[in-house]
Structure formats: C-alpha cells, structure tokens
N, C-alpha and C. Protein backbone atom coordinates (compact mmCIF):
# COMPACT_ATOMS: atom_id res chain seq x y z
N MET A 1 0.84 -1.22 0.00
CA MET A 1 0.00 0.00 0.00
C MET A 1 0.87 1.26 0.00
N LEU A 2 0.50 2.19 -0.87
CA LEU A 2 1.27 3.43 -0.96
C LEU A 2 0.73 4.47 0.01
N PRO A 3 1.63 5.34 0.51
CA PRO A 3 1.22 6.40 1.45
C PRO A 3 0.14 7.30 0.85
N GLN A 4 -0.71 7.85 1.72
CA GLN A 4 -1.78 8.74 1.25
C GLN A 4 -1.21 9.95 0.52
N SER A 5 -0.12 10.49 1.04
CA SER A 5 0.49 11.66 0.42
C SER A 5 0.91 11.35 -1.01
N TYR A 6 1.54 10.19 -1.19
CA TYR A 6 2.00 9.79 -2.53
C TYR A 6 0.80 9.61 -3.45
N TYR A 7 -0.24 8.97 -2.92
CA TYR A 7 -1.46 8.73 -3.70
C TYR A 7 -2.09 10.06 -4.11
N CYS A 8 -2.06 11.00 -3.18
CA CYS A 8 -2.63 12.32 -3.44
C CYS A 8 -1.93 12.99 -4.61
N ILE A 9 -0.60 12.96 -4.61
CA ILE A 9 0.17 13.60 -5.67
C ILE A 9 0.06 12.80 -6.96
N TYR A 10 0.02 11.47 -6.83
CA TYR A 10 -0.03 10.61 -8.01
C TYR A 10 -1.41 10.63 -8.67
N SER A 11 -2.44 10.89 -7.85
CA SER A 11 -3.80 10.88 -8.36
C SER A 11 -4.03 11.96 -9.42
N ASP A 12 -3.90 13.21 -9.03
CA ASP A 12 -4.18 14.31 -9.95
C ASP A 12 -3.26 15.51 -9.71
N GLY A 13 -3.11 15.88 -8.45
CA GLY A 13 -2.27 17.01 -8.14
C GLY A 13 -3.06 18.30 -8.07
N GLY A 14 -4.38 18.18 -7.78
CA GLY A 14 -5.23 19.36 -7.70
C GLY A 14 -5.45 19.80 -6.27
N ALA A 15 -6.15 20.91 -6.09
CA ALA A 15 -6.42 21.44 -4.75
C ALA A 15 -7.26 20.44 -3.96
N SER A 16 -8.25 19.86 -4.61
CA SER A 16 -9.12 18.90 -3.95
C SER A 16 -8.33 17.70 -3.48
N CYS A 17 -7.41 17.24 -4.31
CA CYS A 17 -6.56 16.10 -3.98
C CYS A 17 -5.71 16.42 -2.76
N LEU A 18 -5.19 17.64 -2.74
CA LEU A 18 -4.36 18.07 -1.62
C LEU A 18 -5.16 18.07 -0.33
N LEU A 19 -6.39 18.60 -0.41
CA LEU A 19 -7.26 18.64 0.75
C LEU A 19 -7.56 17.23 1.24
N PHE A 20 -7.83 16.34 0.31
CA PHE A 20 -8.12 14.95 0.64
C PHE A 20 -6.91 14.30 1.31
N CYS A 21 -5.76 14.60 0.80
CA CYS A 21 -4.52 14.07 1.34
C CYS A 21 -4.35 14.52 2.79
N PHE A 22 -4.58 15.79 3.04
CA PHE A 22 -4.47 16.34 4.39
C PHE A 22 -5.52 15.74 5.31
N ASP A 23 -6.74 15.58 4.79
CA ASP A 23 -7.84 15.04 5.56
C ASP A 23 -7.55 13.61 6.00
N THR A 24 -6.97 12.83 5.09
CA THR A 24 -6.66 11.43 5.39
C THR A 24 -5.42 11.32 6.28
N ALA A 25 -4.50 12.26 6.11
CA ALA A 25 -3.27 12.25 6.89
C ALA A 25 -3.57 12.45 8.37
N ILE A 26 -4.50 13.35 8.68
CA ILE A 26 -4.79 13.69 10.08
C ILE A 26 -5.83 12.77 10.69
C-alpha cells in the first residue's frame, strides 16, 4: 500500500486532492 500523500500527488495534483490528502493524513 502506498502512502496517502503519494497517492494524493499521483492521483491528480489538484487542490481537492491536496485537501483529501491532508484530511486522510490527520
């Protein structure tokens, strides 16, 4: 399984993706 942060950047790289990454990280 890849880290959420990596998935966030690998997914699209948009603002929404960044927010999702932060939401899942915390």
